[in-house]
Each structure stands twice: as structure tokens, then as C-alpha cells.
């Protein structure tokens, strides 16, 4: 894999070059101005080849090449002119400046990959150093010893660069020459001839009384130090050169290191305040990528019928949350909260749904693949609780709560999606810890993040204006007896959750009990028992509720 720099101010050229190089598994950095190209070359060191368009709008590409050839370290970097300018005299001028090749647009994949292969055959950076194996044999060194010597040269560079910079006024002549000689000897001993050559030129300037040459000394020595870094760690890639996949892998590595700790000895990995701050930066509610893709396909701004989108939002917790929040921000004559995801989709309409779909924050479905927990089984559980809550509400004849029951059940565990979005690897660690310690998932969450995913869902929902009944369900579903508002709805969803959990309708991350507890023993029923009509037949409800759950479980497995 090579690192390529393109200097070309045409956007289409940059896109084309990136695509060609990506097909060869190479990285490409595109600069539209020579100053940017120069800055990146000096800062990264690791560019292997430069492609230059000489016909830049406001600059002359030859000036950039000339600047390279006059630089003490970059003069050896291979340059390929790839241009629209077809002029024989310019071709001669380019080869006089020792370019590797002079090519004419449009781009040709084969030519580009051939030039990359030429540049890689003998890396220009290697020309500044002795070849390690033969130099060690000649000097009686071991590779580790040579690398140690290069590290010492790096330290000497750092120690001397500030002093050399101060020599620009010419007042430290003798000491400057002595330090140059000492550093040059160290560089020779380590086979760093590029630095020796630069120091020889600096010594010549000092002896000629040209102390202004020391003004750029700090910059050049810093580059010399980066050359050593590259020599000692050739596979390290600067952030600016990383592909999107490499940046993602790097971020994953950092996240994994953060979460793989002894939680019993360290306490939470992140604090609740950090969790709230990160939640507040989310541009919207996260949706599983496969669901989001289906929604985006339907929300293309041209749909004549929104039924498909309504059904998607009605059956998915992430989408339901997103459309409810979006509809709450609409200016309407009727300011009553929208409580049905299907109504929310209809109110938003084609154009707003298209914009909403394009901006959906996504969560990779594979990140929830922790058998027996998978996204499919988690989704089945949420949908099961939604249907069971609706069924329970109607059976108990809670007319006031019936419109909210289904959606409240669908949204009751949305915090898991937030946890998965913010900390995908942390989610894996938390689930694994809960299984190993045989504790409920919410207890493991509190150990690692100082709060629970349920509290994360409540925080997000409250901040973004989700209708109050749903916020109250999120807040109190684990402790329905503590609910001070919408207690009936909270208890209905809590009971529905217990019934679905112990009847194995999907999987939510918590293991069901070996024996399904009687409804009368649940905290939810202690809230509901005084609210049902006189003569309510609990035994009949319990029998039919379990039967309904079995149907849900069967339907879920068939789905």
C-alpha cells in the first residue's frame, strides 16, 4: 500500500485519482493548492509519490516541483506530471527537473499503477539512510542497537533545534559549529546521511557568514526527526492519510482498550455526565442500518403513498422515536402531541421524510450480534411488548391508555440503541459482564457507565420532547409502583414486558426466570389491581395473556 499525493485544483481529478488508487489498495491525499501540498509533505513524511498538474489555475505546477528539488530532504521524492498541457518544451523542462514521468490526461489506470510501482521499488526516504542489514554487518551492530542509535540522534535533534534557531543573529558562531559537528558525528555513526548532508550545508552557511540559513533550521530538523520516526515505525500511518475504514479501525482499537478494564477495581469507565454530554451531541435518534436503508429507499421524496413508511415506523422502535420527535417540531394549529408513529409519518410528508431519512444516525446491525442476543430477536421482543401492552390495555378496559399502549411498549427499551450507538464495544463488554456475573443487564450497565440504558432513553426522550406518557414509561418501567404520572400505562407496559420476557418472545438481554411468576406477584399488578373493574377475572386474563404470548413467540419465530 502506497501513500500518494495529488496536486490538482480540479475536483473531478481528485475524485478520479482517489478511485483509481483505491482499486490498487493505495491511499490518496488531494491538495488543490501547492501550499497545502507542501504542508502535508512536510508534516506526514510518508508520501511515496507526488502527481502534479502543472496547469493549475492560479499557480504554476513547475514552481512546486522546483521547490521540491531545492529542498534538502524532499529533493529525492518521485514526481509524476499528469497534465492537460501538451507542450514538448514543457516536457523537456519537466525531465530536466528529474520527474519520474510526464503523462497526459485523461487518467489511465494502468499508467498510474505502473508509476506507483516504480516509486515503491526504491523508496526515496531510504536514500537518506544506510541499508540496515549491510550497515550493521559493516559496523558490527545489531539491528536493535542501530535503532537505538537513531533514537539517540532524534533526541539530539530535539535538544539542539531551539539553539540552532537562536543562531540566526550570528552571535553563537563557535558553539553552533561545535554542535553541528557533534550532531553530524552522531548521524554518521547511525548511517543517517540525509541529516549529515543537511548539517554540512548548514555548516557551510555558518562559515560563509550566512546566519539567516538558521531561521529555517527548526523546521528542517523537525522534518529530519520525523524521518527517523518513519524509519523506526514504517507502518504507522498519520491520521490525514488514513482511509475511512482505517480511521474506523483505529477508533475501535481505542474504544476496546478503554473498556477492557477490571471494572471491580476501577469503577465506571465513563461517568453519567459524560454519557449525557455525548447523548446531547447526537443529531437524531439512532436506527439500525438495515432498517434505515429500507426507510431511505422508501423516503425518496416521490412516494405517492406513505403506507409503507408508516408501517416501517410503526414496527421499529428507532424509526418510531425519530418520526415522533420530528413531528413534534412541526408548526401545527393543533398543538397536542403526536402519539402515533403512523400519524407522525403522514404529518411529515414526502419532503420532510426524505430529509429525515438522509440524516438518520445509523447503528450497524452486526454490533448487536451477541447470541442469544441479535438485532432480530431484540426487535421481536420490542414488538412483542408493544402488542402485549395493547392487548393488556384493551383486556383491562383502560380506554384512556389504549391509544398509547402499543407505542409505549415499542419504545420502552430504546436506550439500548443509544448505548449501542455511543459505545458499540462497550455494549459487548457490558452484555458479557452481565452473563459472566449472572446479574441483570441494567446492573452491569450501571457498573460500567454509572447509569442504565433506560435512563439514557429517558434523558434523550425528555430533552427532545417525546410525549410525556412515553417518557414516564421509560422512567418508571422497572419500578411501576414509584410512578407519579401515567401509573396505569407504566404498569401495563411493565406487565407486558414481564409476560414477553418469561414466555421467550424474542430476547432483550435479560434471562427469563425458570418459572414464569404469577401476574398477581408482579410489581405491575400491585398498581393495576385497584384500577380494574369489579369482578375482574385475573385467572382468565393470565391464561389468555400467556396464550397470546405463545402466539407472539410462534409468530416471531416464523418471521
Protein backbone atom coordinates (compact mmCIF):
# COMPACT_ATOMS: atom_id res chain seq x y z
CA UNK A 1 0.00 0.00 0.00
CA UNK A 2 1.46 3.35 -1.09
CA UNK A 3 0.70 6.88 0.07
CA UNK A 4 0.11 9.20 -2.87
CA UNK A 5 -0.25 12.99 -3.02
CA UNK A 6 -2.09 14.63 -5.91
CA UNK A 7 -1.73 18.37 -6.55
CA UNK A 8 -4.62 19.30 -8.84
CA UNK A 9 -7.23 22.03 -8.42
CA UNK A 10 -9.92 20.18 -10.42
CA UNK A 11 -12.37 18.42 -8.08
CA UNK A 12 -13.19 15.74 -10.66
CA UNK A 13 -9.47 14.91 -10.96
CA UNK A 14 -9.25 14.31 -7.23
CA UNK A 15 -12.27 12.01 -7.23
CA UNK A 16 -10.96 10.06 -10.22
CA UNK A 17 -7.45 9.65 -8.77
CA UNK A 18 -8.84 8.51 -5.40
CA UNK A 19 -10.97 5.90 -7.14
CA UNK A 20 -8.11 4.57 -9.27
CA UNK A 21 -5.70 4.35 -6.35
CA UNK A 22 -8.31 2.77 -4.07
CA UNK A 23 -8.66 -0.05 -6.60
CA UNK A 24 -4.96 -0.74 -6.07
CA UNK A 25 -5.38 -0.52 -2.28
CA UNK A 26 -3.40 2.75 -2.11
CA UNK A 27 -4.13 5.89 -0.09
CA UNK A 28 -4.57 9.25 -1.78
CA UNK A 29 -4.30 12.77 -0.40
CA UNK A 30 -5.59 15.52 -2.71
CA UNK A 31 -4.35 19.11 -2.49
CA UNK A 32 -5.83 21.89 -4.63
CA UNK A 33 -3.11 24.41 -3.71
CA UNK A 34 0.65 23.95 -3.69
CA UNK A 35 0.93 25.37 -0.17
CA UNK A 36 -1.36 22.63 1.14
CA UNK A 37 0.63 20.01 -0.76
CA UNK A 38 3.88 21.35 0.69
CA UNK A 39 2.49 21.42 4.22
CA UNK A 40 1.25 17.83 4.01
CA UNK A 41 4.54 16.58 2.57
CA UNK A 42 6.49 18.17 5.41
CA UNK A 43 4.07 17.07 8.13
CA UNK A 44 3.50 13.46 7.07
CA UNK A 45 6.93 12.44 5.61
CA UNK A 46 5.25 9.22 4.46
CA UNK A 47 4.16 10.32 0.96
CA UNK A 48 5.70 7.89 -1.55
CA UNK A 49 4.88 9.64 -4.82
CA UNK A 50 3.52 13.02 -5.96
CA UNK A 51 1.32 13.54 -9.03
CA UNK A 52 1.29 17.17 -10.20
CA UNK A 53 -0.94 19.04 -12.65
CA UNK A 54 1.29 21.83 -13.96
CA UNK A 55 -1.66 23.79 -15.38
CA UNK A 56 -3.10 25.00 -12.07
CA UNK A 57 -5.47 27.98 -12.30
CA UNK A 58 -3.65 30.38 -10.02
CA UNK A 59 -0.23 28.72 -9.73
CA UNK A 60 2.46 27.09 -11.80
CA UNK A 61 2.98 23.42 -11.03
CA UNK A 62 6.62 23.71 -12.07
CA UNK A 63 7.23 26.15 -9.22
CA UNK A 64 6.13 23.45 -6.80
CA UNK A 65 8.40 20.83 -8.40
CA UNK A 66 11.31 23.29 -8.36
CA UNK A 67 10.71 23.90 -4.65
CA UNK A 68 10.86 20.15 -4.03
CA UNK A 69 14.11 19.80 -5.91
CA UNK A 70 15.71 22.62 -3.91
CA UNK A 71 14.73 21.07 -0.55
CA UNK A 72 17.50 19.26 1.31
CA UNK A 73 15.29 16.29 2.20
CA UNK A 74 12.45 16.24 -0.37
CA UNK A 75 14.63 16.60 -3.45
CA UNK A 76 14.63 12.83 -3.95
CA UNK A 77 10.85 12.34 -3.80
CA UNK A 78 9.49 10.93 -7.10
CA UNK A 79 7.20 13.26 -9.04
CA UNK A 80 4.93 12.42 -11.97
CA UNK A 81 3.47 15.22 -14.06
CA UNK A 82 -0.06 14.27 -15.10
CA UNK A 83 -1.49 17.20 -17.01
CA UNK A 84 -3.77 18.56 -19.71
CA UNK A 85 -0.86 20.69 -21.01
CA UNK A 86 0.67 19.08 -24.10
CA UNK A 87 3.78 21.09 -24.94
CA UNK A 88 7.07 19.50 -25.99
CA UNK A 89 9.17 22.26 -24.42
CA UNK A 90 7.41 21.78 -21.08
CA UNK A 91 8.01 18.05 -21.28
CA UNK A 92 11.73 18.71 -21.69
CA UNK A 93 11.62 21.17 -18.79
CA UNK A 94 9.95 18.57 -16.58
CA UNK A 95 12.51 15.86 -17.31
CA UNK A 96 15.29 18.38 -16.71
CA UNK A 97 13.82 18.65 -13.20
CA UNK A 98 14.12 14.86 -12.87
CA UNK A 99 10.43 13.95 -12.85
CA UNK A 100 9.70 10.25 -13.00
CA UNK A 101 7.28 10.56 -15.91
CA UNK A 102 5.21 13.08 -17.90
CA UNK A 103 1.68 11.86 -18.64
CA UNK A 104 -1.32 13.40 -20.39
CA UNK A 105 -4.89 13.31 -19.14
CA UNK A 106 -7.37 11.67 -19.07
CA UNK A 107 -6.16 9.33 -16.35
CA UNK A 108 -5.20 5.79 -17.26
CA UNK A 109 -5.39 3.19 -14.50
CA UNK A 110 -2.53 1.08 -15.82
CA UNK A 111 -0.16 4.06 -16.19
CA UNK A 112 -0.90 5.30 -12.69
CA UNK A 113 -0.32 1.91 -11.07
CA UNK A 114 2.90 1.47 -13.05
CA UNK A 115 4.22 4.80 -11.75
CA UNK A 116 3.27 3.83 -8.18
CA UNK A 117 5.13 0.53 -8.57
CA UNK A 118 8.26 2.38 -9.80
CA UNK A 119 8.18 4.72 -6.80
CA UNK A 120 7.79 1.86 -4.36
CA UNK A 121 10.63 -0.17 -5.84
CA UNK A 122 13.14 2.06 -4.07
CA UNK A 123 11.57 4.37 -1.50
CA UNK A 124 13.05 7.87 -1.62
CA UNK A 125 13.30 8.02 2.18
CA UNK A 126 15.66 5.02 2.15
CA UNK A 127 18.18 7.10 0.20
CA UNK A 128 18.76 9.20 3.30
CA UNK A 129 19.81 6.16 5.38
CA UNK A 130 22.26 3.31 5.12
CA UNK A 131 20.61 -0.03 4.36
CA UNK A 132 20.15 -1.61 7.77
CA UNK A 133 21.39 -5.17 7.21
CA UNK A 134 24.63 -4.34 5.38
CA UNK A 135 25.39 -1.33 7.61
CA UNK A 136 25.00 -3.42 10.75
CA UNK A 137 27.30 -6.10 9.30
CA UNK A 138 29.87 -3.48 8.35
CA UNK A 139 29.79 -1.67 11.70
CA UNK A 140 29.41 -4.74 13.93
CA UNK A 141 25.97 -3.62 15.13
CA UNK A 142 22.74 -5.43 15.82
CA UNK A 143 19.51 -4.03 14.33
CA UNK A 144 18.19 -3.10 17.79
CA UNK A 145 21.42 -1.27 18.53
CA UNK A 146 21.20 0.72 15.29
CA UNK A 147 17.61 1.68 16.02
CA UNK A 148 18.66 2.77 19.49
CA UNK A 149 21.34 4.99 17.92
CA UNK A 150 18.76 6.54 15.59
CA UNK A 151 16.57 7.24 18.62
CA UNK A 152 19.51 8.99 20.26
CA UNK A 153 20.02 11.10 17.12
CA UNK A 154 16.33 12.06 17.35
CA UNK A 155 16.83 13.15 20.97
CA UNK A 156 19.90 15.20 19.98
CA UNK A 157 17.88 16.89 17.22
CA UNK A 158 15.21 17.87 19.74
CA UNK A 159 17.81 19.20 22.17
CA UNK A 160 19.64 21.30 19.57
CA UNK A 161 16.93 22.64 17.25
CA UNK A 162 15.98 25.55 19.53
CA UNK A 163 19.60 26.57 19.96
CA UNK A 164 20.28 26.47 16.20
CA UNK A 165 17.22 28.66 15.64
CA UNK A 166 18.68 31.24 18.04
CA UNK A 167 21.89 31.35 15.99
CA UNK A 168 20.23 33.37 13.20
CA UNK A 169 21.71 36.56 14.71
CA UNK A 170 25.25 35.16 14.31
CA UNK A 171 26.19 35.63 17.98
CA UNK A 172 26.84 31.94 18.76
CA UNK A 173 29.16 31.04 15.88
CA UNK A 174 31.78 28.83 17.60
CA UNK A 175 29.23 26.93 19.68
CA UNK A 176 26.99 26.47 16.64
CA UNK A 177 29.84 24.90 14.65
CA UNK A 178 30.75 22.65 17.57
CA UNK A 179 27.18 21.42 17.98
CA UNK A 180 26.82 20.87 14.24
CA UNK A 181 29.97 18.72 14.28
CA UNK A 182 28.76 16.70 17.26
CA UNK A 183 25.31 16.07 15.78
CA UNK A 184 26.85 15.22 12.40
CA UNK A 185 29.12 12.62 14.02
CA UNK A 186 26.11 11.00 15.71
CA UNK A 187 24.20 10.95 12.41
CA UNK A 188 27.17 9.37 10.59
CA UNK A 189 27.51 6.67 13.25
CA UNK A 190 23.82 5.81 12.75
CA UNK A 191 24.05 5.91 8.93
CA UNK A 192 21.70 8.89 8.58
CA UNK A 193 23.35 10.51 5.57
CA UNK A 194 20.43 12.78 4.77
CA UNK A 195 20.93 14.59 8.06
CA UNK A 196 24.72 14.65 7.58
CA UNK A 197 24.23 16.33 4.20
CA UNK A 198 21.90 18.93 5.66
CA UNK A 199 24.29 19.68 8.53
CA UNK A 200 27.19 20.03 6.07
CA UNK A 201 25.16 22.65 4.17
CA UNK A 202 24.32 24.41 7.45
CA UNK A 203 28.00 24.41 8.45
CA UNK A 204 28.91 25.92 5.04
CA UNK A 205 26.34 28.70 5.54
CA UNK A 206 27.77 29.46 9.00
CA UNK A 207 31.33 29.57 7.73
CA UNK A 208 30.25 31.91 4.93
CA UNK A 209 28.57 34.19 7.48
CA UNK A 210 25.07 33.37 6.15
CA UNK A 211 23.39 33.02 9.53
CA UNK A 212 19.93 33.61 8.06
CA UNK A 213 20.02 29.97 6.93
CA UNK A 214 19.47 29.08 10.59
CA UNK A 215 15.98 30.66 10.52
CA UNK A 216 14.52 27.54 8.90
CA UNK A 217 16.68 25.25 10.97
CA UNK A 218 14.00 24.26 13.44
CA UNK A 219 11.55 23.32 10.67
CA UNK A 220 14.16 21.26 8.80
CA UNK A 221 15.38 19.46 11.90
CA UNK A 222 11.81 18.65 12.89
CA UNK A 223 11.40 17.04 9.47
CA UNK A 224 14.65 15.13 9.99
CA UNK A 225 13.21 13.84 13.26
CA UNK A 226 10.02 12.72 11.54
CA UNK A 227 12.17 10.87 9.00
CA UNK A 228 13.64 8.87 11.89
CA UNK A 229 10.13 8.18 13.23
CA UNK A 230 9.17 6.85 9.83
CA UNK A 231 12.31 4.72 9.67
CA UNK A 232 11.68 3.19 13.09
CA UNK A 233 7.92 2.70 12.59
CA UNK A 234 7.37 2.36 8.82
CA UNK A 235 3.83 1.01 9.13
CA UNK A 236 2.48 3.83 11.27
CA UNK A 237 0.00 5.96 9.31
CA UNK A 238 -0.77 9.61 10.12
CA UNK A 239 -4.44 10.45 10.62
CA UNK A 240 -4.57 12.61 7.49
CA UNK A 241 -3.58 9.64 5.29
CA UNK A 242 -5.97 7.14 6.79
CA UNK A 243 -8.88 5.82 4.79
CA UNK A 244 -12.35 5.87 6.33
CA UNK A 245 -12.01 2.16 7.19
CA UNK A 246 -8.61 2.70 8.82
CA UNK A 247 -9.94 5.58 10.92
CA UNK A 248 -12.84 3.38 11.99
CA UNK A 249 -10.47 0.56 12.95
CA UNK A 250 -8.26 2.95 14.89
CA UNK A 251 -11.27 4.31 16.77
CA UNK A 252 -12.38 0.77 17.53
CA UNK A 253 -8.96 -0.08 18.89
CA UNK A 254 -9.01 2.92 21.22
CA UNK A 255 -12.53 2.11 22.37
CA UNK A 256 -11.65 -1.52 23.06
CA UNK A 257 -8.64 -0.52 25.15
CA UNK A 258 -10.87 1.85 27.14
CA UNK A 259 -13.46 -0.82 28.01
CA UNK A 260 -11.17 -3.78 28.69
CA UNK A 261 -10.52 -2.96 32.33
CA UNK A 262 -11.12 -4.62 35.67
CA UNK A 263 -14.39 -2.88 36.43
CA UNK A 264 -14.40 -4.09 40.03
CA UNK A 265 -11.17 -2.23 40.72
CA UNK A 266 -11.65 0.89 38.59
CA UNK A 267 -15.32 1.81 38.80
CA UNK A 268 -17.32 3.15 35.81
CA UNK A 269 -15.44 3.58 32.52
CA UNK A 270 -17.43 6.73 31.78
CA UNK A 271 -19.46 8.88 34.15
CA UNK A 272 -23.17 9.66 33.72
CA UNK A 273 -22.27 13.30 32.98
CA UNK A 274 -20.10 12.13 30.09
CA UNK A 275 -22.94 9.95 28.85
CA UNK A 276 -25.42 12.85 28.95
CA UNK A 277 -22.97 15.12 27.12
CA UNK A 278 -22.47 12.57 24.36
CA UNK A 279 -26.20 11.94 24.08
CA UNK A 280 -26.76 15.66 23.64
CA UNK A 281 -24.43 15.74 20.63
CA UNK A 282 -26.41 13.12 18.68
CA UNK A 283 -28.12 14.75 15.66
CA UNK A 284 -31.08 12.39 15.94
CA UNK A 285 -32.17 9.04 17.27
CA UNK A 286 -30.10 6.08 16.01
CA UNK A 287 -31.67 3.47 13.76
CA UNK A 288 -30.32 0.04 12.82
CA UNK A 289 -28.63 0.38 9.42
CA UNK A 290 -30.70 -2.26 7.64
CA UNK A 291 -33.93 -0.64 8.84
CA UNK A 292 -32.59 2.82 7.98
CA UNK A 293 -31.70 1.69 4.46
CA UNK A 294 -35.24 0.41 3.87
CA UNK A 295 -36.65 3.70 5.16
CA UNK A 296 -34.31 5.72 2.93
CA UNK A 297 -35.34 3.72 -0.13
CA UNK A 298 -38.99 4.49 0.54
CA UNK A 299 -38.47 8.12 1.55
CA UNK A 300 -37.09 9.29 -1.78
CA UNK A 301 -39.42 12.30 -1.98
CA UNK A 302 -41.51 10.77 -4.78
CA UNK A 303 -43.70 8.25 -2.96
CA UNK A 304 -47.38 8.66 -3.81
CA UNK A 305 -48.43 6.51 -0.88
CA UNK A 306 -46.79 6.66 2.56
CA UNK A 307 -48.31 3.40 3.82
CA UNK A 308 -45.02 1.51 3.54
CA UNK A 309 -43.17 4.15 5.56
CA UNK A 310 -45.97 4.25 8.12
CA UNK A 311 -45.68 0.51 8.67
CA UNK A 312 -41.89 0.67 8.96
CA UNK A 313 -42.12 3.37 11.64
CA UNK A 314 -44.99 1.58 13.39
CA UNK A 315 -42.94 -1.61 13.76
CA UNK A 316 -39.46 -0.30 14.57
CA UNK A 317 -38.54 1.42 17.87
CA UNK A 318 -35.77 3.61 16.41
CA UNK A 319 -37.86 4.88 13.49
CA UNK A 320 -40.90 5.35 15.72
CA UNK A 321 -38.84 7.51 18.06
CA UNK A 322 -37.35 9.52 15.20
CA UNK A 323 -40.62 10.36 13.43
CA UNK A 324 -42.40 11.19 16.70
CA UNK A 325 -39.65 13.64 17.64
CA UNK A 326 -39.59 15.16 14.15
CA UNK A 327 -43.36 15.64 14.05
CA UNK A 328 -43.30 17.32 17.47
CA UNK A 329 -41.23 20.12 15.92
CA UNK A 330 -43.77 20.85 13.19
CA UNK A 331 -45.79 24.05 13.33
CA UNK A 332 -49.44 22.96 13.57
CA UNK A 333 -52.70 24.58 14.54
CA UNK A 334 -53.34 21.65 16.87
CA UNK A 335 -50.50 21.61 19.42
CA UNK A 336 -51.47 18.30 21.01
CA UNK A 337 -48.54 15.82 20.98
CA UNK A 338 -48.45 13.28 18.18
CA UNK A 339 -48.51 9.86 19.84
CA UNK A 340 -48.81 7.51 16.85
CA UNK A 341 -45.78 6.92 14.55
CA UNK A 342 -48.09 6.42 11.55
CA UNK A 343 -49.73 9.77 12.11
CA UNK A 344 -46.29 11.32 12.52
CA UNK A 345 -45.19 9.94 9.12
CA UNK A 346 -48.31 11.31 7.46
CA UNK A 347 -47.83 14.75 9.02
CA UNK A 348 -44.19 14.96 7.96
CA UNK A 349 -44.94 14.28 4.31
CA UNK A 350 -42.62 13.35 1.45
CA UNK A 351 -40.10 16.18 1.54
CA UNK A 352 -39.52 16.21 5.29
CA UNK A 353 -39.35 12.41 5.39
CA UNK A 354 -36.72 12.47 2.64
CA UNK A 355 -34.58 14.94 4.58
CA UNK A 356 -35.11 12.99 7.78
CA UNK A 357 -34.11 9.70 6.14
CA UNK A 358 -30.88 11.13 4.72
CA UNK A 359 -29.80 12.41 8.15
CA UNK A 360 -30.58 9.26 10.16
CA UNK A 361 -27.78 8.29 12.56
CA UNK A 362 -27.09 4.61 11.90
CA UNK A 363 -26.11 1.69 14.12
CA UNK A 364 -24.60 -1.41 12.48
CA UNK A 365 -26.90 -4.41 12.91
CA UNK A 366 -23.82 -6.63 13.35
CA UNK A 367 -22.89 -4.71 16.52
CA UNK A 368 -25.83 -6.36 18.31
CA UNK A 369 -24.80 -9.84 17.26
CA UNK A 370 -24.17 -11.34 20.71
CA UNK A 371 -26.08 -14.65 20.63
CA UNK A 372 -28.55 -15.29 22.04
CA UNK A 373 -28.96 -11.53 21.60
CA UNK A 374 -29.28 -10.44 17.99
CA UNK A 375 -30.99 -7.44 16.45
CA UNK A 376 -33.74 -9.68 15.04
CA UNK A 377 -34.55 -11.17 18.45
CA UNK A 378 -34.28 -7.80 20.21
CA UNK A 379 -36.67 -6.29 17.65
CA UNK A 380 -39.07 -9.21 18.17
CA UNK A 381 -39.07 -8.53 21.90
CA UNK A 382 -39.86 -4.82 21.48
CA UNK A 383 -42.64 -5.58 19.03
CA UNK A 384 -43.93 -8.32 21.31
CA UNK A 385 -44.08 -5.95 24.30
CA UNK A 386 -45.88 -3.38 22.13
CA UNK A 387 -48.56 -5.87 21.07
CA UNK A 388 -48.85 -7.36 24.56
CA UNK A 389 -49.25 -3.87 26.09
CA UNK A 390 -52.02 -3.06 23.59
CA UNK A 391 -53.69 -6.42 24.30
CA UNK A 392 -53.47 -5.91 28.08
CA UNK A 393 -54.82 -2.38 27.93
CA UNK A 394 -57.86 -3.49 25.94
CA UNK A 395 -58.45 -6.55 28.13
CA UNK A 396 -58.37 -4.38 31.26
CA UNK A 397 -60.63 -1.83 29.50
CA UNK A 398 -58.22 1.09 30.08
CA UNK A 399 -59.76 3.26 27.41
CA UNK A 400 -57.68 6.34 28.26
CA UNK A 401 -54.39 4.48 28.00
CA UNK A 402 -55.18 2.28 24.98
CA UNK A 403 -54.00 4.83 22.34
CA UNK A 404 -50.56 4.97 23.99
CA UNK A 405 -50.05 1.34 25.00
CA UNK A 406 -48.67 -0.08 21.74
CA UNK A 407 -46.17 2.74 21.08
CA UNK A 408 -45.13 2.87 24.74
CA UNK A 409 -44.30 -0.85 24.56
CA UNK A 410 -42.39 -0.39 21.32
CA UNK A 411 -40.29 2.42 22.83
CA UNK A 412 -39.82 1.03 26.33
CA UNK A 413 -36.21 -0.12 25.78
CA UNK A 414 -34.93 2.40 23.21
CA UNK A 415 -31.97 3.24 25.47
CA UNK A 416 -30.22 0.07 24.25
CA UNK A 417 -29.93 1.65 20.78
CA UNK A 418 -28.41 4.78 22.30
CA UNK A 419 -25.90 2.69 24.28
CA UNK A 420 -25.04 0.72 21.13
CA UNK A 421 -24.56 3.92 19.12
CA UNK A 422 -22.30 5.65 21.66
CA UNK A 423 -20.31 2.63 22.86
CA UNK A 424 -20.59 -0.36 20.48
CA UNK A 425 -17.69 -2.25 22.02
CA UNK A 426 -18.74 -1.15 25.50
CA UNK A 427 -22.14 -2.69 24.80
CA UNK A 428 -20.43 -6.03 24.07
CA UNK A 429 -18.38 -5.83 27.27
CA UNK A 430 -21.43 -4.95 29.39
CA UNK A 431 -23.51 -7.82 27.99
CA UNK A 432 -20.61 -10.22 28.53
CA UNK A 433 -20.14 -8.99 32.10
CA UNK A 434 -23.83 -9.47 32.91
CA UNK A 435 -23.67 -13.05 31.65
CA UNK A 436 -20.44 -13.87 33.46
CA UNK A 437 -21.62 -12.41 36.76
CA UNK A 438 -25.20 -13.65 36.24
CA UNK A 439 -26.68 -10.26 37.03
CA UNK A 440 -29.42 -8.25 35.26
CA UNK A 441 -28.19 -6.21 32.32
CA UNK A 442 -29.13 -2.90 33.95
CA UNK A 443 -26.87 -3.69 36.91
CA UNK A 444 -23.94 -4.34 34.55
CA UNK A 445 -24.70 -1.08 32.74
CA UNK A 446 -24.54 0.86 35.97
CA UNK A 447 -21.17 -0.68 36.82
CA UNK A 448 -19.66 0.43 33.50
CA UNK A 449 -21.37 3.76 32.77
CA UNK A 450 -22.76 4.83 36.14
CA UNK A 451 -26.32 4.80 34.76
CA UNK A 452 -28.60 2.48 32.77
CA UNK A 453 -29.64 2.42 29.14
CA UNK A 454 -33.19 3.01 30.40
CA UNK A 455 -32.05 6.28 31.97
CA UNK A 456 -30.26 7.16 28.73
CA UNK A 457 -33.51 6.67 26.82
CA UNK A 458 -35.43 8.80 29.32
CA UNK A 459 -32.82 11.57 29.17
CA UNK A 460 -32.89 11.68 25.38
CA UNK A 461 -36.68 11.47 25.15
CA UNK A 462 -37.24 14.21 27.73
CA UNK A 463 -34.70 16.56 26.17
CA UNK A 464 -36.15 16.17 22.68
CA UNK A 465 -39.82 16.48 23.62
CA UNK A 466 -41.22 12.96 23.32
CA UNK A 467 -44.85 12.92 24.59
CA UNK A 468 -44.93 12.72 28.38
CA UNK A 469 -46.66 9.31 28.68
CA UNK A 470 -43.78 7.65 26.83
CA UNK A 471 -41.18 9.48 28.91
CA UNK A 472 -42.90 8.28 32.07
CA UNK A 473 -42.85 4.66 30.85
CA UNK A 474 -39.11 4.96 30.17
CA UNK A 475 -38.55 6.43 33.60
CA UNK A 476 -40.53 4.01 35.77
CA UNK A 477 -40.99 0.73 33.91
CA UNK A 478 -38.60 -1.09 36.26
CA UNK A 479 -40.37 0.31 39.33
CA UNK A 480 -44.01 0.90 38.34
CA UNK A 481 -45.06 1.41 41.98
CA UNK A 482 -42.92 4.59 42.04
CA UNK A 483 -44.66 6.20 39.06
CA UNK A 484 -46.26 9.52 39.93
CA UNK A 485 -47.71 10.11 36.44
CA UNK A 486 -49.34 7.76 33.92
CA UNK A 487 -49.08 4.97 36.50
CA UNK A 488 -51.63 2.79 34.67
CA UNK A 489 -49.71 2.98 31.40
CA UNK A 490 -46.38 2.36 33.11
CA UNK A 491 -47.76 -0.71 34.88
CA UNK A 492 -49.39 -2.07 31.70
CA UNK A 493 -46.10 -1.90 29.77
CA UNK A 494 -44.15 -3.28 32.74
CA UNK A 495 -46.54 -6.24 32.94
CA UNK A 496 -46.36 -6.77 29.16
CA UNK A 497 -42.58 -6.81 29.40
CA UNK A 498 -42.63 -9.45 32.17
CA UNK A 499 -45.02 -11.64 30.21
CA UNK A 500 -42.97 -11.43 27.00
CA UNK A 501 -39.70 -11.98 28.86
CA UNK A 502 -40.80 -15.15 30.63
CA UNK A 503 -42.64 -16.53 27.59
CA UNK A 504 -39.48 -16.13 25.45
CA UNK A 505 -40.90 -13.66 22.94
CA UNK A 506 -37.64 -12.61 21.29
CA UNK A 507 -34.74 -11.64 23.54
CA UNK A 508 -33.89 -8.38 25.31
CA UNK A 509 -30.61 -9.27 27.03
CA UNK A 510 -32.08 -10.30 30.38
CA UNK A 511 -32.50 -14.01 31.05
CA UNK A 512 -36.06 -15.13 31.89
CA UNK A 513 -36.82 -16.92 35.15
CA UNK A 514 -37.14 -20.71 35.07
CA UNK A 515 -40.72 -20.34 36.26
CA UNK A 516 -42.93 -17.57 34.98
CA UNK A 517 -44.05 -15.63 38.08
CA UNK A 518 -47.81 -15.32 38.59
CA UNK A 519 -49.22 -11.99 37.42
CA UNK A 520 -50.51 -11.34 40.95
CA UNK A 521 -46.92 -11.34 42.26
CA UNK A 522 -45.59 -8.73 39.84
CA UNK A 523 -44.97 -5.11 40.90
CA UNK A 524 -47.08 -4.00 37.94
CA UNK A 525 -50.17 -5.86 39.16
CA UNK A 526 -49.90 -4.23 42.56
CA UNK A 527 -50.50 -0.97 40.73
CA UNK A 528 -53.23 -2.30 38.44
CA UNK A 529 -55.31 -4.44 40.81
CA UNK A 530 -57.10 -1.48 42.36
CA UNK A 531 -57.84 0.04 38.95
CA UNK A 532 -59.58 -2.84 37.18
CA UNK A 533 -63.36 -3.17 37.13
CA UNK A 534 -65.17 -5.03 39.90
CA UNK A 535 -65.28 -8.76 39.33
CA UNK A 536 -62.25 -8.75 37.03
CA UNK A 537 -61.25 -12.36 36.32
CA UNK A 538 -57.47 -12.38 36.83
CA UNK A 539 -57.16 -16.13 36.20
CA UNK A 540 -58.83 -15.78 32.80
CA UNK A 541 -56.62 -12.80 31.90
CA UNK A 542 -53.49 -14.67 32.93
CA UNK A 543 -54.42 -17.76 30.93
CA UNK A 544 -55.28 -15.77 27.80
CA UNK A 545 -52.26 -13.45 28.18
CA UNK A 546 -49.89 -16.45 28.21
CA UNK A 547 -51.71 -17.90 25.24
CA UNK A 548 -51.34 -14.60 23.39
CA UNK A 549 -47.63 -14.52 24.25
CA UNK A 550 -47.20 -18.03 22.88
CA UNK A 551 -48.83 -16.89 19.66
CA UNK A 552 -46.49 -13.90 19.55
CA UNK A 553 -43.48 -16.13 20.16
CA UNK A 554 -44.59 -18.54 17.44
CA UNK A 555 -45.25 -15.67 15.04
CA UNK A 556 -41.87 -14.13 15.86
CA UNK A 557 -40.02 -17.37 15.16
CA UNK A 558 -41.86 -17.76 11.85
CA UNK A 559 -41.00 -14.14 10.95
